[in-house]
Amino acid sequence: MKQRSSSWRLTTAVLAALCIGSSALAQGAPPPPKGRGYLPLAGFGILAVLGGAVLAISLYPSKRSHQDV
């Protein structure tokens, strides 16, 4: 019985490896990039500006002095 269980596991492992390998081999090479594209630093700059604006607005004191203790 132990031999049959081991054989079943080996067969399952080999089939899983073949399925994964065949799907990886079926994919073609990625297309070459066109031009320069966009600069990643520009996106990070926009993120920093928007994040700073949200932070500044959230830290800006409200004018509810009659409710403040």
Protein backbone atom coordinates (compact mmCIF):
# COMPACT_ATOMS: atom_id res chain seq x y z
CA MET A 1 0.00 0.00 0.00
CA LYS A 2 2.85 2.39 0.75
CA GLN A 3 4.30 1.89 -2.74
CA ARG A 4 0.98 2.79 -4.36
CA SER A 5 0.67 6.02 -2.31
CA SER A 6 4.20 7.03 -3.19
CA SER A 7 3.60 6.28 -6.87
CA TRP A 8 0.41 8.38 -6.82
CA ARG A 9 2.22 11.34 -5.28
CA LEU A 10 5.06 11.09 -7.78
CA THR A 11 2.62 10.97 -10.70
CA THR A 12 0.73 13.98 -9.35
CA ALA A 13 3.95 15.94 -8.85
CA VAL A 14 5.18 15.17 -12.38
CA LEU A 15 1.84 16.14 -13.94
CA ALA A 16 1.74 19.39 -11.95
CA ALA A 17 5.27 20.26 -13.04
CA LEU A 18 4.40 19.53 -16.67
CA CYS A 19 1.28 21.71 -16.49
CA ILE A 20 3.20 24.62 -15.02
CA GLY A 21 6.11 24.21 -17.42
CA SER A 22 3.92 23.92 -20.50
CA SER A 23 2.00 27.08 -19.65
CA ALA A 24 5.27 28.94 -19.13
CA LEU A 25 6.66 27.72 -22.45
CA ALA A 26 3.42 28.56 -24.30
CA GLN A 27 3.79 32.24 -23.50
CA GLY A 28 5.63 34.27 -26.06
CA ALA A 29 8.35 36.78 -25.42
CA PRO A 30 7.12 40.21 -24.31
CA PRO A 31 6.95 42.83 -27.06
CA PRO A 32 9.82 45.28 -27.24
CA PRO A 33 9.16 48.62 -25.51
CA LYS A 34 8.02 51.48 -27.72
CA GLY A 35 9.87 54.74 -27.23
CA ARG A 36 10.77 56.06 -23.80
CA GLY A 37 7.31 55.75 -22.30
CA TYR A 38 6.71 57.75 -19.16
CA LEU A 39 9.11 58.56 -16.40
CA PRO A 40 8.37 56.75 -13.14
CA LEU A 41 9.70 59.71 -11.20
CA ALA A 42 6.91 61.89 -12.56
CA GLY A 43 4.34 59.54 -11.04
CA PHE A 44 6.16 59.56 -7.72
CA GLY A 45 6.29 63.36 -7.85
CA ILE A 46 2.54 63.60 -8.42
CA LEU A 47 2.00 61.14 -5.56
CA ALA A 48 4.18 63.22 -3.26
CA VAL A 49 2.36 66.46 -4.15
CA LEU A 50 -1.09 64.93 -3.66
CA GLY A 51 -0.03 63.23 -0.45
CA GLY A 52 1.40 66.48 0.87
CA ALA A 53 -1.82 68.30 -0.02
CA VAL A 54 -3.94 65.73 1.80
CA LEU A 55 -1.64 65.90 4.82
CA ALA A 56 -1.67 69.71 4.86
CA ILE A 57 -5.46 69.87 4.59
CA SER A 58 -5.92 67.30 7.33
CA LEU A 59 -3.58 69.18 9.68
CA TYR A 60 -5.09 72.58 8.92
CA PRO A 61 -6.90 73.83 12.03
CA SER A 62 -10.65 74.09 11.76
CA LYS A 63 -12.49 77.27 12.79
CA ARG A 64 -14.70 75.68 15.43
CA SER A 65 -13.32 77.58 18.38
CA HIS A 66 -16.60 77.48 20.28
CA GLN A 67 -16.50 73.66 20.20
CA ASP A 68 -12.84 73.34 21.17
CA VAL A 69 -12.12 72.78 24.84
